[in-house]
N, C-alpha and C. Protein backbone atom coordinates (compact mmCIF):
# COMPACT_ATOMS: atom_id res chain seq x y z
N MET A 1 0.94 -1.19 0.02
CA MET A 1 0.09 -0.10 -0.03
C MET A 1 0.80 1.19 0.02
N ILE A 2 1.94 1.27 0.60
CA ILE A 2 2.95 2.37 0.66
C ILE A 2 3.20 2.85 -0.76
N PHE A 3 3.54 2.02 -1.45
CA PHE A 3 3.87 2.35 -3.01
C PHE A 3 2.71 2.90 -3.60
N GLY A 4 1.61 2.58 -3.48
CA GLY A 4 0.42 3.05 -4.28
C GLY A 4 0.39 4.47 -3.73
N GLU A 5 0.19 4.73 -2.53
CA GLU A 5 0.28 6.17 -2.01
C GLU A 5 1.40 7.08 -2.62
N PHE A 6 2.42 6.78 -2.70
CA PHE A 6 3.62 7.48 -3.34
C PHE A 6 3.47 7.50 -4.82
N ALA A 7 3.08 6.61 -5.33
CA ALA A 7 2.93 6.64 -6.76
C ALA A 7 1.83 7.73 -7.10
N SER A 8 0.63 7.88 -6.50
CA SER A 8 -0.28 8.86 -6.62
C SER A 8 0.12 10.24 -6.15
N ILE A 9 1.11 10.34 -5.37
CA ILE A 9 1.52 11.76 -5.00
C ILE A 9 2.45 12.10 -6.09
N ASP A 10 3.29 11.22 -6.60
CA ASP A 10 4.17 11.44 -7.73
C ASP A 10 3.37 11.92 -9.04
N ILE A 11 2.34 11.15 -9.23
CA ILE A 11 1.45 11.65 -10.36
C ILE A 11 1.02 12.91 -10.39
N VAL A 12 0.43 13.48 -9.19
CA VAL A 12 -0.12 14.69 -8.82
C VAL A 12 1.08 15.85 -9.17
N ILE A 13 2.19 15.42 -8.54
CA ILE A 13 3.27 16.54 -8.78
C ILE A 13 3.76 16.59 -10.20
N VAL A 14 3.74 15.46 -10.92
CA VAL A 14 3.94 15.51 -12.47
C VAL A 14 2.89 16.25 -13.27
N LEU A 15 1.60 16.10 -12.72
CA LEU A 15 0.69 16.74 -13.55
C LEU A 15 0.68 18.27 -13.25
N VAL A 16 0.97 18.71 -12.11
CA VAL A 16 0.98 20.01 -11.79
C VAL A 16 2.17 20.64 -12.53
N VAL A 17 3.26 19.94 -12.58
CA VAL A 17 4.37 20.52 -13.18
C VAL A 17 4.13 20.70 -14.82
N ILE A 18 3.48 19.82 -15.35
CA ILE A 18 3.00 19.74 -16.70
C ILE A 18 1.97 20.91 -16.83
N VAL A 19 1.15 21.04 -16.07
CA VAL A 19 0.10 22.29 -16.22
C VAL A 19 0.80 23.63 -16.18
N VAL A 20 1.81 23.79 -15.25
CA VAL A 20 2.58 25.02 -15.14
C VAL A 20 3.24 25.33 -16.49
N LEU A 21 3.81 24.20 -16.84
CA LEU A 21 4.58 24.37 -18.15
C LEU A 21 3.79 24.71 -19.30
N VAL A 22 2.61 24.17 -19.48
CA VAL A 22 1.66 24.27 -20.56
C VAL A 22 0.97 25.72 -20.56
N PHE A 23 0.54 25.91 -19.32
CA PHE A 23 -0.37 27.26 -19.32
C PHE A 23 0.41 28.33 -18.67
N GLY A 24 1.38 28.25 -18.15
CA GLY A 24 2.05 29.38 -17.48
C GLY A 24 1.74 29.74 -16.24
N GLY A 25 2.53 30.38 -15.31
CA GLY A 25 2.32 30.54 -14.19
C GLY A 25 1.13 31.68 -13.91
N LYS A 26 0.89 32.62 -15.01
CA LYS A 26 0.08 33.69 -14.83
C LYS A 26 -1.44 33.16 -14.92
N ALA A 27 -1.45 32.26 -15.75
CA ALA A 27 -2.83 31.75 -16.15
C ALA A 27 -3.43 30.66 -15.09
N ILE A 28 -2.57 30.16 -14.24
CA ILE A 28 -3.32 29.18 -13.27
C ILE A 28 -4.19 29.79 -12.25
N PRO A 29 -3.71 30.95 -11.64
CA PRO A 29 -4.75 31.65 -10.61
C PRO A 29 -6.10 32.01 -11.24
N LYS A 30 -5.88 32.52 -12.60
CA LYS A 30 -7.14 32.95 -13.21
C LYS A 30 -8.04 31.73 -13.38
N PHE A 31 -7.52 30.67 -13.91
CA PHE A 31 -8.06 29.44 -13.87
C PHE A 31 -8.67 28.78 -12.58
N ALA A 32 -8.08 28.93 -11.74
CA ALA A 32 -8.51 28.50 -10.43
C ALA A 32 -9.80 29.30 -9.87
N ARG A 33 -9.50 30.72 -10.01
CA ARG A 33 -10.85 31.71 -9.78
C ARG A 33 -11.96 31.15 -10.59
N ASN A 34 -11.71 31.05 -11.93
CA ASN A 34 -12.95 30.52 -12.66
C ASN A 34 -13.52 29.25 -12.31
N LEU A 35 -12.74 28.50 -11.91
CA LEU A 35 -13.25 27.12 -11.25
C LEU A 35 -14.02 27.31 -10.17
N GLY A 36 -13.34 28.04 -9.20
CA GLY A 36 -14.19 28.42 -7.93
C GLY A 36 -15.50 29.13 -8.19
N SER A 37 -15.63 29.99 -9.09
CA SER A 37 -16.79 30.63 -9.44
C SER A 37 -17.75 29.71 -10.02
N ALA A 38 -17.35 28.78 -10.96
CA ALA A 38 -18.24 27.71 -11.57
C ALA A 38 -18.71 26.80 -10.29
N LYS A 39 -17.90 26.45 -9.49
CA LYS A 39 -18.40 25.63 -8.40
C LYS A 39 -19.49 26.26 -7.61
N ASN A 40 -19.17 27.50 -7.30
CA ASN A 40 -20.14 28.41 -6.29
C ASN A 40 -21.55 28.33 -7.32
N GLU A 41 -21.48 28.68 -8.50
CA GLU A 41 -22.85 28.76 -9.38
C GLU A 41 -23.44 27.33 -9.39
N PHE A 42 -22.78 26.37 -9.45
CA PHE A 42 -23.31 25.09 -9.54
C PHE A 42 -24.01 24.76 -8.11
N GLU A 43 -23.33 25.03 -7.03
CA GLU A 43 -24.00 24.79 -5.77
C GLU A 43 -25.12 25.47 -5.53
N LYS A 44 -25.10 26.96 -6.10
CA LYS A 44 -26.22 27.77 -5.91
C LYS A 44 -27.57 27.21 -6.78
N GLY A 45 -27.15 26.70 -8.03
CA GLY A 45 -28.17 26.01 -8.63
C GLY A 45 -28.86 24.77 -7.99
N LEU A 46 -27.97 23.84 -7.46
CA LEU A 46 -28.48 22.79 -6.64
C LEU A 46 -29.37 23.18 -5.46
N LYS A 47 -28.88 24.23 -4.87
CA LYS A 47 -29.82 24.77 -3.73
C LYS A 47 -31.07 25.18 -4.21
N GLN A 48 -31.07 25.99 -5.45
CA GLN A 48 -32.29 26.55 -5.89
C GLN A 48 -33.31 25.19 -6.32
N ALA A 49 -32.64 24.29 -6.98
CA ALA A 49 -33.58 23.08 -7.40
C ALA A 49 -34.02 22.47 -6.29
N LYS A 50 -33.22 22.17 -5.11
CA LYS A 50 -33.68 21.48 -3.94
C LYS A 50 -34.97 22.42 -3.26
N ASP A 51 -34.88 23.62 -3.13
CA ASP A 51 -35.87 24.69 -2.71
C ASP A 51 -37.02 24.38 -3.42
N GLU A 52 -36.91 24.55 -4.92
CA GLU A 52 -38.12 24.36 -5.58
C GLU A 52 -38.78 23.07 -5.47
N ALA A 53 -38.16 22.05 -5.46
CA ALA A 53 -38.75 20.70 -5.13
C ALA A 53 -39.35 20.64 -3.82
N LYS A 54 -38.89 21.24 -2.81
CA LYS A 54 -39.45 21.29 -1.45
C LYS A 54 -40.75 21.99 -1.35
N SER A 55 -40.74 23.17 -2.23
CA SER A 55 -41.89 23.95 -2.25
C SER A 55 -43.07 23.30 -3.01
N GLN A 56 -42.66 22.62 -4.17
CA GLN A 56 -43.60 21.96 -4.78
C GLN A 56 -44.11 20.86 -3.91
N ASP A 57 -43.41 20.09 -3.20
CA ASP A 57 -43.93 19.05 -2.51
C ASP A 57 -44.91 19.50 -1.37
N SER A 58 -44.59 20.73 -0.80
CA SER A 58 -45.49 21.14 0.25
C SER A 58 -46.69 21.84 -0.45
N ASP A 59 -46.61 22.24 -1.71
CA ASP A 59 -47.96 22.85 -2.44
C ASP A 59 -48.77 21.55 -2.63
N GLU A 60 -48.30 20.36 -2.81
CA GLU A 60 -49.06 19.09 -3.35
C GLU A 60 -49.81 18.57 -2.17
N LYS A 61 -49.41 18.92 -0.85
CA LYS A 61 -49.91 18.37 0.19
C LYS A 61 -51.07 19.06 0.75
């Protein structure tokens, strides 16, 4: 199991290095910011859908 854990860490490090080389250091914070915004919008949409479903259930009763 120890080798599996180290292998996964090595893979992550290699992927990070490749991303930095391909996209450059300045583009990564912008990408991370956009990814965070997309996550927040997705969670907001899920919450709205749950609220709508809950209100429809209470309307039916």
